Amino acid sequence: MNPVMRWLHWFGAPPNFHAFATRWAPWCFILALPLMVFGLWQGLFVVPADYQQGDSYRILFIHVPAAWMSLFIYGVMALNGFIALVWRIKLSEVLAMCCAPIGAGFTLVTLATGSIWGKP
């Protein structure tokens, strides 16, 4: 078995993945939270108003990242579905099922902010 497949099967085993996720999740949260707060603060309060749209364009700082995240999450879901079908890794099936409501939530935010921004 080649090294990539060996790593995929090792990492795809639920006990190994759980140990990895338990170890890294708090550190990722500690890093992501201040970066998200800083980005929202910069986008919503620091950036100057647009000369044509005024302050209403600031909703794009929510709309565009939500659209990119929804596309990314659906891509991750498709990749996990492919891995689950081809190599029969159970963790990929679980991850694909967990990605669906998260992607739908980001899609809802994208559609809502797009319709609010597009309203004259």
PDB file of N, CA and C in Angstrom:
ATOM      1  N   MET A   1       0.857  -1.171   0.000  1.00  0.00           N
ATOM      2  CA  MET A   1       0.000   0.000   0.000  1.00  0.00           C
ATOM      3  C   MET A   1       0.904   1.235   0.000  1.00  0.00           C
ATOM      4  N   ASN A   2       0.597   2.201  -0.870  1.00  0.00           N
ATOM      5  CA  ASN A   2       1.451   3.382  -0.941  1.00  0.00           C
ATOM      6  C   ASN A   2       1.250   4.272   0.293  1.00  0.00           C
ATOM      7  N   PRO A   3       2.175   5.194   0.555  1.00  0.00           N
ATOM      8  CA  PRO A   3       2.112   5.987   1.788  1.00  0.00           C
ATOM      9  C   PRO A   3       0.871   6.870   1.895  1.00  0.00           C
ATOM     10  N   VAL A   4       0.386   7.380   0.776  1.00  0.00           N
ATOM     11  CA  VAL A   4      -0.802   8.241   0.823  1.00  0.00           C
ATOM     12  C   VAL A   4      -2.020   7.437   1.259  1.00  0.00           C
ATOM     13  N   MET A   5      -2.183   6.264   0.698  1.00  0.00           N
ATOM     14  CA  MET A   5      -3.325   5.428   1.075  1.00  0.00           C
ATOM     15  C   MET A   5      -3.199   4.943   2.516  1.00  0.00           C
ATOM     16  N   ARG A   6      -1.981   4.655   2.944  1.00  0.00           N
ATOM     17  CA  ARG A   6      -1.769   4.241   4.326  1.00  0.00           C
ATOM     18  C   ARG A   6      -2.155   5.377   5.276  1.00  0.00           C
ATOM     19  N   TRP A   7      -1.741   6.606   4.930  1.00  0.00           N
ATOM     20  CA  TRP A   7      -2.085   7.762   5.759  1.00  0.00           C
ATOM     21  C   TRP A   7      -3.597   7.999   5.742  1.00  0.00           C
ATOM     22  N   LEU A   8      -4.220   7.858   4.564  1.00  0.00           N
ATOM     23  CA  LEU A   8      -5.658   8.079   4.450  1.00  0.00           C
ATOM     24  C   LEU A   8      -6.434   7.083   5.299  1.00  0.00           C
ATOM     25  N   HIS A   9      -6.042   5.839   5.278  1.00  0.00           N
ATOM     26  CA  HIS A   9      -6.726   4.838   6.097  1.00  0.00           C
ATOM     27  C   HIS A   9      -6.440   5.032   7.581  1.00  0.00           C
ATOM     28  N   TRP A  10      -5.211   5.438   7.928  1.00  0.00           N
ATOM     29  CA  TRP A  10      -4.898   5.690   9.337  1.00  0.00           C
ATOM     30  C   TRP A  10      -5.679   6.891   9.844  1.00  0.00           C
ATOM     31  N   PHE A  11      -5.686   7.976   9.057  1.00  0.00           N
ATOM     32  CA  PHE A  11      -6.372   9.200   9.478  1.00  0.00           C
ATOM     33  C   PHE A  11      -7.888   9.036   9.409  1.00  0.00           C
ATOM     34  N   GLY A  12      -8.362   8.150   8.552  1.00  0.00           N
ATOM     35  CA  GLY A  12      -9.790   7.919   8.414  1.00  0.00           C
ATOM     36  C   GLY A  12     -10.385   7.029   9.477  1.00  0.00           C
ATOM     37  N   ALA A  13      -9.553   6.426  10.302  1.00  0.00           N
ATOM     38  CA  ALA A  13     -10.063   5.611  11.411  1.00  0.00           C
ATOM     39  C   ALA A  13     -10.591   6.543  12.498  1.00  0.00           C
ATOM     40  N   PRO A  14     -11.815   6.339  12.959  1.00  0.00           N
ATOM     41  CA  PRO A  14     -12.403   7.259  13.942  1.00  0.00           C
ATOM     42  C   PRO A  14     -11.569   7.493  15.203  1.00  0.00           C
ATOM     43  N   PRO A  15     -10.928   6.486  15.816  1.00  0.00           N
ATOM     44  CA  PRO A  15     -10.125   6.802  17.016  1.00  0.00           C
ATOM     45  C   PRO A  15      -8.939   7.724  16.717  1.00  0.00           C
ATOM     46  N   ASN A  16      -8.276   7.495  15.590  1.00  0.00           N
ATOM     47  CA  ASN A  16      -7.138   8.344  15.232  1.00  0.00           C
ATOM     48  C   ASN A  16      -7.589   9.762  14.908  1.00  0.00           C
ATOM     49  N   PHE A  17      -8.679   9.885  14.153  1.00  0.00           N
ATOM     50  CA  PHE A  17      -9.183  11.214  13.817  1.00  0.00           C
ATOM     51  C   PHE A  17      -9.668  11.942  15.065  1.00  0.00           C
ATOM     52  N   HIS A  18     -10.316  11.230  15.957  1.00  0.00           N
ATOM     53  CA  HIS A  18     -10.805  11.857  17.189  1.00  0.00           C
ATOM     54  C   HIS A  18      -9.650  12.370  18.037  1.00  0.00           C
ATOM     55  N   ALA A  19      -8.590  11.600  18.134  1.00  0.00           N
ATOM     56  CA  ALA A  19      -7.418  12.052  18.897  1.00  0.00           C
ATOM     57  C   ALA A  19      -6.806  13.297  18.261  1.00  0.00           C
ATOM     58  N   PHE A  20      -6.707  13.312  16.937  1.00  0.00           N
ATOM     59  CA  PHE A  20      -6.158  14.474  16.231  1.00  0.00           C
ATOM     60  C   PHE A  20      -7.054  15.694  16.403  1.00  0.00           C
ATOM     61  N   ALA A  21      -8.363  15.516  16.204  1.00  0.00           N
ATOM     62  CA  ALA A  21      -9.296  16.641  16.296  1.00  0.00           C
ATOM     63  C   ALA A  21      -9.387  17.180  17.714  1.00  0.00           C
ATOM     64  N   THR A  22      -9.356  16.301  18.700  1.00  0.00           N
ATOM     65  CA  THR A  22      -9.412  16.740  20.095  1.00  0.00           C
ATOM     66  C   THR A  22      -8.178  17.554  20.462  1.00  0.00           C
ATOM     67  N   ARG A  23      -7.056  17.191  19.918  1.00  0.00           N
ATOM     68  CA  ARG A  23      -5.814  17.900  20.216  1.00  0.00           C
ATOM     69  C   ARG A  23      -5.758  19.262  19.528  1.00  0.00           C
ATOM     70  N   TRP A  24      -6.238  19.365  18.280  1.00  0.00           N
ATOM     71  CA  TRP A  24      -6.064  20.587  17.505  1.00  0.00           C
ATOM     72  C   TRP A  24      -7.250  21.540  17.531  1.00  0.00           C
ATOM     73  N   ALA A  25      -8.444  21.096  17.843  1.00  0.00           N
ATOM     74  CA  ALA A  25      -9.632  21.961  17.794  1.00  0.00           C
ATOM     75  C   ALA A  25      -9.536  23.177  18.708  1.00  0.00           C
ATOM     76  N   PRO A  26      -9.109  23.058  19.965  1.00  0.00           N
ATOM     77  CA  PRO A  26      -9.028  24.264  20.802  1.00  0.00           C
ATOM     78  C   PRO A  26      -8.041  25.299  20.266  1.00  0.00           C
ATOM     79  N   TRP A  27      -6.914  24.843  19.733  1.00  0.00           N
ATOM     80  CA  TRP A  27      -5.927  25.779  19.203  1.00  0.00           C
ATOM     81  C   TRP A  27      -6.450  26.476  17.950  1.00  0.00           C
ATOM     82  N   CYS A  28      -7.155  25.761  17.114  1.00  0.00           N
ATOM     83  CA  CYS A  28      -7.741  26.385  15.925  1.00  0.00           C
ATOM     84  C   CYS A  28      -8.802  27.402  16.315  1.00  0.00           C
ATOM     85  N   PHE A  29      -9.591  27.103  17.333  1.00  0.00           N
ATOM     86  CA  PHE A  29     -10.606  28.043  17.804  1.00  0.00           C
ATOM     87  C   PHE A  29      -9.961  29.293  18.385  1.00  0.00           C
ATOM     88  N   ILE A  30      -8.904  29.107  19.177  1.00  0.00           N
ATOM     89  CA  ILE A  30      -8.205  30.246  19.779  1.00  0.00           C
ATOM     90  C   ILE A  30      -7.599  31.137  18.698  1.00  0.00           C
ATOM     91  N   LEU A  31      -7.142  30.562  17.612  1.00  0.00           N
ATOM     92  CA  LEU A  31      -6.588  31.343  16.513  1.00  0.00           C
ATOM     93  C   LEU A  31      -7.682  31.983  15.660  1.00  0.00           C
ATOM     94  N   ALA A  32      -8.772  31.269  15.407  1.00  0.00           N
ATOM     95  CA  ALA A  32      -9.802  31.746  14.490  1.00  0.00           C
ATOM     96  C   ALA A  32     -10.673  32.845  15.085  1.00  0.00           C
ATOM     97  N   LEU A  33     -10.994  32.771  16.354  1.00  0.00           N
ATOM     98  CA  LEU A  33     -11.911  33.742  16.949  1.00  0.00           C
ATOM     99  C   LEU A  33     -11.387  35.176  16.889  1.00  0.00           C
ATOM    100  N   PRO A  34     -10.162  35.474  17.331  1.00  0.00           N
ATOM    101  CA  PRO A  34      -9.702  36.861  17.220  1.00  0.00           C
ATOM    102  C   PRO A  34      -9.532  37.320  15.776  1.00  0.00           C
ATOM    103  N   LEU A  35      -9.132  36.416  14.884  1.00  0.00           N
ATOM    104  CA  LEU A  35      -9.015  36.803  13.481  1.00  0.00           C
ATOM    105  C   LEU A  35     -10.377  37.139  12.880  1.00  0.00           C
ATOM    106  N   MET A  36     -11.408  36.378  13.236  1.00  0.00           N
ATOM    107  CA  MET A  36     -12.743  36.660  12.738  1.00  0.00           C
ATOM    108  C   MET A  36     -13.275  37.980  13.285  1.00  0.00           C
ATOM    109  N   VAL A  37     -13.074  38.221  14.577  1.00  0.00           N
ATOM    110  CA  VAL A  37     -13.524  39.479  15.183  1.00  0.00           C
ATOM    111  C   VAL A  37     -12.798  40.657  14.552  1.00  0.00           C
ATOM    112  N   PHE A  38     -11.489  40.532  14.347  1.00  0.00           N
ATOM    113  CA  PHE A  38     -10.714  41.606  13.728  1.00  0.00           C
ATOM    114  C   PHE A  38     -11.185  41.874  12.300  1.00  0.00           C
ATOM    115  N   GLY A  39     -11.422  40.825  11.526  1.00  0.00           N
ATOM    116  CA  GLY A  39     -11.889  40.996  10.155  1.00  0.00           C
ATOM    117  C   GLY A  39     -13.257  41.641  10.078  1.00  0.00           C
ATOM    118  N   LEU A  40     -14.175  41.217  10.936  1.00  0.00           N
ATOM    119  CA  LEU A  40     -15.500  41.844  10.952  1.00  0.00           C
ATOM    120  C   LEU A  40     -15.419  43.301  11.381  1.00  0.00           C
ATOM    121  N   TRP A  41     -14.603  43.593  12.378  1.00  0.00           N
ATOM    122  CA  TRP A  41     -14.449  44.972  12.833  1.00  0.00           C
ATOM    123  C   TRP A  41     -13.873  45.846  11.713  1.00  0.00           C
ATOM    124  N   GLN A  42     -12.854  45.348  11.021  1.00  0.00           N
ATOM    125  CA  GLN A  42     -12.268  46.111   9.919  1.00  0.00           C
ATOM    126  C   GLN A  42     -13.284  46.316   8.796  1.00  0.00           C
ATOM    127  N   GLY A  43     -14.002  45.266   8.434  1.00  0.00           N
ATOM    128  CA  GLY A  43     -14.933  45.354   7.320  1.00  0.00           C
ATOM    129  C   GLY A  43     -16.161  46.188   7.603  1.00  0.00           C
ATOM    130  N   LEU A  44     -16.644  46.149   8.831  1.00  0.00           N
ATOM    131  CA  LEU A  44     -17.898  46.841   9.128  1.00  0.00           C
ATOM    132  C   LEU A  44     -17.717  48.241   9.702  1.00  0.00           C
ATOM    133  N   PHE A  45     -16.565  48.534  10.304  1.00  0.00           N
ATOM    134  CA  PHE A  45     -16.418  49.826  10.973  1.00  0.00           C
ATOM    135  C   PHE A  45     -15.243  50.664  10.488  1.00  0.00           C
ATOM    136  N   VAL A  46     -14.169  50.073  10.036  1.00  0.00           N
ATOM    137  CA  VAL A  46     -12.963  50.832   9.704  1.00  0.00           C
ATOM    138  C   VAL A  46     -12.927  51.247   8.234  1.00  0.00           C
ATOM    139  N   VAL A  47     -13.341  50.378   7.333  1.00  0.00           N
ATOM    140  CA  VAL A  47     -13.280  50.654   5.902  1.00  0.00           C
ATOM    141  C   VAL A  47     -14.168  51.857   5.581  1.00  0.00           C
ATOM    142  N   PRO A  48     -13.666  52.811   4.781  1.00  0.00           N
ATOM    143  CA  PRO A  48     -14.486  53.986   4.458  1.00  0.00           C
ATOM    144  C   PRO A  48     -15.689  53.626   3.585  1.00  0.00           C
ATOM    145  N   ALA A  49     -16.683  54.479   3.632  1.00  0.00           N
ATOM    146  CA  ALA A  49     -17.914  54.260   2.863  1.00  0.00           C
ATOM    147  C   ALA A  49     -17.638  54.408   1.367  1.00  0.00           C
ATOM    148  N   ASP A  50     -18.405  53.694   0.571  1.00  0.00           N
ATOM    149  CA  ASP A  50     -18.287  53.763  -0.879  1.00  0.00           C
ATOM    150  C   ASP A  50     -18.877  55.077  -1.371  1.00  0.00           C
ATOM    151  N   TYR A  51     -18.323  55.630  -2.438  1.00  0.00           N
ATOM    152  CA  TYR A  51     -18.798  56.928  -2.908  1.00  0.00           C
ATOM    153  C   TYR A  51     -20.152  56.846  -3.596  1.00  0.00           C
ATOM    154  N   GLN A  52     -20.548  55.687  -4.107  1.00  0.00           N
ATOM    155  CA  GLN A  52     -21.850  55.548  -4.754  1.00  0.00           C
ATOM    156  C   GLN A  52     -22.885  54.892  -3.845  1.00  0.00           C
ATOM    157  N   GLN A  53     -22.512  53.858  -3.131  1.00  0.00           N
ATOM    158  CA  GLN A  53     -23.472  53.088  -2.353  1.00  0.00           C
ATOM    159  C   GLN A  53     -23.530  53.485  -0.891  1.00  0.00           C
ATOM    160  N   GLY A  54     -22.578  54.258  -0.435  1.00  0.00           N
ATOM    161  CA  GLY A  54     -22.562  54.633   0.974  1.00  0.00           C
ATOM    162  C   GLY A  54     -22.188  53.448   1.846  1.00  0.00           C
ATOM    163  N   ASP A  55     -22.868  53.345   2.979  1.00  0.00           N
ATOM    164  CA  ASP A  55     -22.560  52.270   3.924  1.00  0.00           C
ATOM    165  C   ASP A  55     -23.235  50.945   3.575  1.00  0.00           C
ATOM    166  N   SER A  56     -24.148  50.956   2.612  1.00  0.00           N
ATOM    167  CA  SER A  56     -24.873  49.717   2.314  1.00  0.00           C
ATOM    168  C   SER A  56     -23.986  48.656   1.664  1.00  0.00           C
ATOM    169  N   TYR A  57     -22.856  49.047   1.119  1.00  0.00           N
ATOM    170  CA  TYR A  57     -21.989  48.053   0.482  1.00  0.00           C
ATOM    171  C   TYR A  57     -21.259  47.191   1.502  1.00  0.00           C
ATOM    172  N   ARG A  58     -21.239  47.611   2.762  1.00  0.00           N
ATOM    173  CA  ARG A  58     -20.510  46.861   3.787  1.00  0.00           C
ATOM    174  C   ARG A  58     -21.075  45.453   3.989  1.00  0.00           C
ATOM    175  N   ILE A  59     -22.306  45.237   3.557  1.00  0.00           N
ATOM    176  CA  ILE A  59     -22.888  43.900   3.689  1.00  0.00           C
ATOM    177  C   ILE A  59     -22.137  42.896   2.810  1.00  0.00           C
ATOM    178  N   LEU A  60     -21.404  43.406   1.818  1.00  0.00           N
ATOM    179  CA  LEU A  60     -20.615  42.504   0.980  1.00  0.00           C
ATOM    180  C   LEU A  60     -19.495  41.829   1.763  1.00  0.00           C
ATOM    181  N   PHE A  61     -19.080  42.439   2.884  1.00  0.00           N
ATOM    182  CA  PHE A  61     -18.053  41.813   3.713  1.00  0.00           C
ATOM    183  C   PHE A  61     -18.602  40.600   4.461  1.00  0.00           C
ATOM    184  N   ILE A  62     -19.904  40.428   4.469  1.00  0.00           N
ATOM    185  CA  ILE A  62     -20.536  39.216   4.996  1.00  0.00           C
ATOM    186  C   ILE A  62     -20.931  38.298   3.836  1.00  0.00           C
ATOM    187  N   HIS A  63     -21.485  38.905   2.779  1.00  0.00           N
ATOM    188  CA  HIS A  63     -22.037  38.155   1.656  1.00  0.00           C
ATOM    189  C   HIS A  63     -20.970  37.334   0.915  1.00  0.00           C
ATOM    190  N   VAL A  64     -19.882  37.955   0.546  1.00  0.00           N
ATOM    191  CA  VAL A  64     -18.872  37.275  -0.277  1.00  0.00           C
ATOM    192  C   VAL A  64     -18.177  36.138   0.482  1.00  0.00           C
ATOM    193  N   PRO A  65     -17.723  36.341   1.732  1.00  0.00           N
ATOM    194  CA  PRO A  65     -17.137  35.185   2.433  1.00  0.00           C
ATOM    195  C   PRO A  65     -18.133  34.046   2.653  1.00  0.00           C
ATOM    196  N   ALA A  66     -19.396  34.386   2.890  1.00  0.00           N
ATOM    197  CA  ALA A  66     -20.397  33.326   3.058  1.00  0.00           C
ATOM    198  C   ALA A  66     -20.580  32.548   1.757  1.00  0.00           C
ATOM    199  N   ALA A  67     -20.552  33.251   0.622  1.00  0.00           N
ATOM    200  CA  ALA A  67     -20.680  32.567  -0.665  1.00  0.00           C
ATOM    201  C   ALA A  67     -19.482  31.656  -0.923  1.00  0.00           C
ATOM    202  N   TRP A  68     -18.288  32.142  -0.642  1.00  0.00           N
ATOM    203  CA  TRP A  68     -17.102  31.311  -0.836  1.00  0.00           C
ATOM    204  C   TRP A  68     -17.111  30.113   0.096  1.00  0.00           C
ATOM    205  N   MET A  69     -17.512  30.322   1.330  1.00  0.00           N
ATOM    206  CA  MET A  69     -17.553  29.204   2.276  1.00  0.00           C
ATOM    207  C   MET A  69     -18.581  28.164   1.860  1.00  0.00           C
ATOM    208  N   SER A  70     -19.738  28.607   1.362  1.00  0.00           N
ATOM    209  CA  SER A  70     -20.736  27.624   0.934  1.00  0.00           C
ATOM    210  C   SER A  70     -20.206  26.798  -0.233  1.00  0.00           C
ATOM    211  N   LEU A  71     -19.551  27.449  -1.189  1.00  0.00           N
ATOM    212  CA  LEU A  71     -18.971  26.693  -2.304  1.00  0.00           C
ATOM    213  C   LEU A  71     -17.874  25.745  -1.826  1.00  0.00           C
ATOM    214  N   PHE A  72     -17.031  26.212  -0.919  1.00  0.00           N
ATOM    215  CA  PHE A  72     -15.951  25.376  -0.398  1.00  0.00           C
ATOM    216  C   PHE A  72     -16.505  24.172   0.359  1.00  0.00           C
ATOM    217  N   ILE A  73     -17.523  24.402   1.173  1.00  0.00           N
ATOM    218  CA  ILE A  73     -18.085  23.308   1.969  1.00  0.00           C
ATOM    219  C   ILE A  73     -18.756  22.273   1.074  1.00  0.00           C
ATOM    220  N   TYR A  74     -19.448  22.726   0.026  1.00  0.00           N
ATOM    221  CA  TYR A  74     -20.043  21.759  -0.892  1.00  0.00           C
ATOM    222  C   TYR A  74     -18.961  20.996  -1.659  1.00  0.00           C
ATOM    223  N   GLY A  75     -17.838  21.638  -1.947  1.00  0.00           N
ATOM    224  CA  GLY A  75     -16.710  20.932  -2.563  1.00  0.00           C
ATOM    225  C   GLY A  75     -16.125  19.881  -1.634  1.00  0.00           C
ATOM    226  N   VAL A  76     -15.985  20.226  -0.353  1.00  0.00           N
ATOM    227  CA  VAL A  76     -15.503  19.266   0.646  1.00  0.00           C
ATOM    228  C   VAL A  76     -16.480  18.104   0.765  1.00  0.00           C
ATOM    229  N   MET A  77     -17.772  18.416   0.704  1.00  0.00           N
ATOM    230  CA  MET A  77     -18.782  17.363   0.786  1.00  0.00           C
ATOM    231  C   MET A  77     -18.674  16.418  -0.418  1.00  0.00           C
ATOM    232  N   ALA A  78     -18.464  16.977  -1.608  1.00  0.00           N
ATOM    233  CA  ALA A  78     -18.316  16.137  -2.799  1.00  0.00           C
ATOM    234  C   ALA A  78     -17.051  15.284  -2.720  1.00  0.00           C
ATOM    235  N   LEU A  79     -15.956  15.871  -2.251  1.00  0.00           N
ATOM    236  CA  LEU A  79     -14.712  15.111  -2.111  1.00  0.00           C
ATOM    237  C   LEU A  79     -14.865  13.979  -1.097  1.00  0.00           C
ATOM    238  N   ASN A  80     -15.519  14.258   0.014  1.00  0.00           N
ATOM    239  CA  ASN A  80     -15.744  13.202   1.007  1.00  0.00           C
ATOM    240  C   ASN A  80     -16.676  12.126   0.470  1.00  0.00           C
ATOM    241  N   GLY A  81     -17.662  12.515  -0.303  1.00  0.00           N
ATOM    242  CA  GLY A  81     -18.528  11.520  -0.928  1.00  0.00           C
ATOM    243  C   GLY A  81     -17.768  10.631  -1.896  1.00  0.00           C
ATOM    244  N   PHE A  82     -16.861  11.240  -2.661  1.00  0.00           N
ATOM    245  CA  PHE A  82     -16.027  10.463  -3.580  1.00  0.00           C
ATOM    246  C   PHE A  82     -15.136   9.483  -2.823  1.00  0.00           C
ATOM    247  N   ILE A  83     -14.500   9.961  -1.763  1.00  0.00           N
ATOM    248  CA  ILE A  83     -13.626   9.092  -0.963  1.00  0.00           C
ATOM    249  C   ILE A  83     -14.429   7.954  -0.341  1.00  0.00           C
ATOM    250  N   ALA A  84     -15.634   8.267   0.133  1.00  0.00           N
ATOM    251  CA  ALA A  84     -16.461   7.230   0.750  1.00  0.00           C
ATOM    252  C   ALA A  84     -16.907   6.186  -0.272  1.00  0.00           C
ATOM    253  N   LEU A  85     -17.205   6.617  -1.492  1.00  0.00           N
ATOM    254  CA  LEU A  85     -17.631   5.661  -2.512  1.00  0.00           C
ATOM    255  C   LEU A  85     -16.477   4.817  -3.043  1.00  0.00           C
ATOM    256  N   VAL A  86     -15.324   5.428  -3.231  1.00  0.00           N
ATOM    257  CA  VAL A  86     -14.209   4.709  -3.849  1.00  0.00           C
ATOM    258  C   VAL A  86     -13.471   3.844  -2.835  1.00  0.00           C
ATOM    259  N   TRP A  87     -13.097   4.423  -1.685  1.00  0.00           N
ATOM    260  CA  TRP A  87     -12.251   3.700  -0.736  1.00  0.00           C
ATOM    261  C   TRP A  87     -13.004   3.202   0.490  1.00  0.00           C
ATOM    262  N   ARG A  88     -14.298   3.442   0.575  1.00  0.00           N
ATOM    263  CA  ARG A  88     -15.143   2.935   1.665  1.00  0.00           C
ATOM    264  C   ARG A  88     -14.635   3.336   3.048  1.00  0.00           C
ATOM    265  N   ILE A  89     -14.292   4.609   3.197  1.00  0.00           N
ATOM    266  CA  ILE A  89     -13.850   5.113   4.496  1.00  0.00           C
ATOM    267  C   ILE A  89     -15.066   5.709   5.198  1.00  0.00           C
ATOM    268  N   LYS A  90     -15.403   5.148   6.349  1.00  0.00           N
ATOM    269  CA  LYS A  90     -16.631   5.523   7.058  1.00  0.00           C
ATOM    270  C   LYS A  90     -16.606   6.976   7.530  1.00  0.00           C
ATOM    271  N   LEU A  91     -15.447   7.465   7.935  1.00  0.00           N
ATOM    272  CA  LEU A  91     -15.356   8.832   8.431  1.00  0.00           C
ATOM    273  C   LEU A  91     -15.706   9.841   7.342  1.00  0.00           C
ATOM    274  N   SER A  92     -15.399   9.523   6.092  1.00  0.00           N
ATOM    275  CA  SER A  92     -15.749  10.416   4.990  1.00  0.00           C
ATOM    276  C   SER A  92     -17.257  10.517   4.813  1.00  0.00           C
ATOM    277  N   GLU A  93     -17.965   9.429   5.057  1.00  0.00           N
ATOM    278  CA  GLU A  93     -19.426   9.476   4.991  1.00  0.00           C
ATOM    279  C   GLU A  93     -19.983  10.391   6.072  1.00  0.00           C
ATOM    280  N   VAL A  94     -19.428  10.290   7.270  1.00  0.00           N
ATOM    281  CA  VAL A  94     -19.885  11.134   8.379  1.00  0.00           C
ATOM    282  C   VAL A  94     -19.587  12.597   8.083  1.00  0.00           C
ATOM    283  N   LEU A  95     -18.388  12.879   7.582  1.00  0.00           N
ATOM    284  CA  LEU A  95     -18.028  14.260   7.269  1.00  0.00           C
ATOM    285  C   LEU A  95     -18.902  14.826   6.155  1.00  0.00           C
ATOM    286  N   ALA A  96     -19.218  14.027   5.159  1.00  0.00           N
ATOM    287  CA  ALA A  96     -20.090  14.498   4.084  1.00  0.00           C
ATOM    288  C   ALA A  96     -21.482  14.829   4.618  1.00  0.00           C
ATOM    289  N   MET A  97     -21.996  13.999   5.514  1.00  0.00           N
ATOM    290  CA  MET A  97     -23.314  14.281   6.092  1.00  0.00           C
ATOM    291  C   MET A  97     -23.280  15.518   6.983  1.00  0.00           C
ATOM    292  N   CYS A  98     -22.173  15.744   7.665  1.00  0.00           N
ATOM    293  CA  CYS A  98     -22.066  16.917   8.539  1.00  0.00           C
ATOM    294  C   CYS A  98     -21.873  18.204   7.746  1.00  0.00           C
ATOM    295  N   CYS A  99     -21.325  18.113   6.543  1.00  0.00           N
ATOM    296  CA  CYS A  99     -21.102  19.309   5.727  1.00  0.00           C
ATOM    297  C   CYS A  99     -22.398  19.867   5.146  1.00  0.00           C
ATOM    298  N   ALA A 100     -23.391  19.029   4.935  1.00  0.00           N
ATOM    299  CA  ALA A 100     -24.616  19.470   4.266  1.00  0.00           C
ATOM    300  C   ALA A 100     -25.344  20.584   5.014  1.00  0.00           C
ATOM    301  N   PRO A 101     -25.645  20.469   6.310  1.00  0.00           N
ATOM    302  CA  PRO A 101     -26.346  21.576   6.971  1.00  0.00           C
ATOM    303  C   PRO A 101     -25.483  22.827   7.123  1.00  0.00           C
ATOM    304  N   ILE A 102     -24.176  22.658   7.257  1.00  0.00           N
ATOM    305  CA  ILE A 102     -23.301  23.826   7.362  1.00  0.00           C
ATOM    306  C   ILE A 102     -23.284  24.579   6.034  1.00  0.00           C
ATOM    307  N   GLY A 103     -23.163  23.852   4.936  1.00  0.00           N
ATOM    308  CA  GLY A 103     -23.216  24.483   3.618  1.00  0.00           C
ATOM    309  C   GLY A 103     -24.553  25.142   3.350  1.00  0.00           C
ATOM    310  N   ALA A 104     -25.632  24.507   3.798  1.00  0.00           N
ATOM    311  CA  ALA A 104     -26.957  25.110   3.625  1.00  0.00           C
ATOM    312  C   ALA A 104     -27.084  26.391   4.439  1.00  0.00           C
ATOM    313  N   GLY A 105     -26.501  26.421   5.630  1.00  0.00           N
ATOM    314  CA  GLY A 105     -26.529  27.639   6.444  1.00  0.00           C
ATOM    315  C   GLY A 105     -25.781  28.782   5.783  1.00  0.00           C
ATOM    316  N   PHE A 106     -24.594  28.503   5.254  1.00  0.00           N
ATOM    317  CA  PHE A 106     -23.842  29.547   4.557  1.00  0.00           C
ATOM    318  C   PHE A 106     -24.562  29.985   3.286  1.00  0.00           C
ATOM    319  N   THR A 107     -25.219  29.056   2.602  1.00  0.00           N
ATOM    320  CA  THR A 107     -25.992  29.420   1.421  1.00  0.00           C
ATOM    321  C   THR A 107     -27.161  30.316   1.798  1.00  0.00           C
ATOM    322  N   LEU A 108     -27.817  30.028   2.912  1.00  0.00           N
ATOM    323  CA  LEU A 108     -28.904  30.880   3.387  1.00  0.00           C
ATOM    324  C   LEU A 108     -28.406  32.293   3.693  1.00  0.00           C
ATOM    325  N   VAL A 109     -27.261  32.396   4.367  1.00  0.00           N
ATOM    326  CA  VAL A 109     -26.684  33.716   4.653  1.00  0.00           C
ATOM    327  C   VAL A 109     -26.341  34.436   3.353  1.00  0.00           C
ATOM    328  N   THR A 110     -25.799  33.715   2.385  1.00  0.00           N
ATOM    329  CA  THR A 110     -25.456  34.311   1.097  1.00  0.00           C
ATOM    330  C   THR A 110     -26.691  34.842   0.388  1.00  0.00           C
ATOM    331  N   LEU A 111     -27.740  34.046   0.338  1.00  0.00           N
ATOM    332  CA  LEU A 111     -28.961  34.478  -0.342  1.00  0.00           C
ATOM    333  C   LEU A 111     -29.628  35.643   0.382  1.00  0.00           C
ATOM    334  N   ALA A 112     -29.638  35.606   1.712  1.00  0.00           N
ATOM    335  CA  ALA A 112     -30.268  36.687   2.476  1.00  0.00           C
ATOM    336  C   ALA A 112     -29.502  37.994   2.318  1.00  0.00           C
ATOM    337  N   THR A 113     -28.185  37.960   2.470  1.00  0.00           N
ATOM    338  CA  THR A 113     -27.416  39.200   2.351  1.00  0.00           C
ATOM    339  C   THR A 113     -27.393  39.711   0.919  1.00  0.00           C
ATOM    340  N   GLY A 114     -27.407  38.818  -0.054  1.00  0.00           N
ATOM    341  CA  GLY A 114     -27.471  39.251  -1.448  1.00  0.00           C
ATOM    342  C   GLY A 114     -28.778  39.939  -1.773  1.00  0.00           C
ATOM    343  N   SER A 115     -29.873  39.423  -1.244  1.00  0.00           N
ATOM    344  CA  SER A 115     -31.161  40.071  -1.509  1.00  0.00           C
ATOM    345  C   SER A 115     -31.288  41.390  -0.755  1.00  0.00           C
ATOM    346  N   ILE A 116     -30.707  41.475   0.430  1.00  0.00           N
ATOM    347  CA  ILE A 116     -30.727  42.748   1.166  1.00  0.00           C
ATOM    348  C   ILE A 116     -29.875  43.784   0.440  1.00  0.00           C
ATOM    349  N   TRP A 117     -28.704  43.397  -0.027  1.00  0.00           N
ATOM    350  CA  TRP A 117     -27.821  44.330  -0.716  1.00  0.00           C
ATOM    351  C   TRP A 117     -28.403  44.754  -2.063  1.00  0.00           C
ATOM    352  N   GLY A 118     -29.078  43.831  -2.757  1.00  0.00           N
ATOM    353  CA  GLY A 118     -29.617  44.132  -4.075  1.00  0.00           C
ATOM    354  C   GLY A 118     -30.895  44.944  -4.068  1.00  0.00           C
ATOM    355  N   LYS A 119     -31.533  45.065  -2.897  1.00  0.00           N
ATOM    356  CA  LYS A 119     -32.777  45.835  -2.826  1.00  0.00           C
ATOM    357  C   LYS A 119     -32.463  47.318  -3.005  1.00  0.00           C
ATOM    358  N   PRO A 120     -33.183  48.004  -3.909  1.00  0.00           N
ATOM    359  CA  PRO A 120     -32.898  49.434  -4.138  1.00  0.00           C
ATOM    360  C   PRO A 120     -33.295  50.321  -2.976  1.00  0.00           C
TER     361      PRO A 120
END
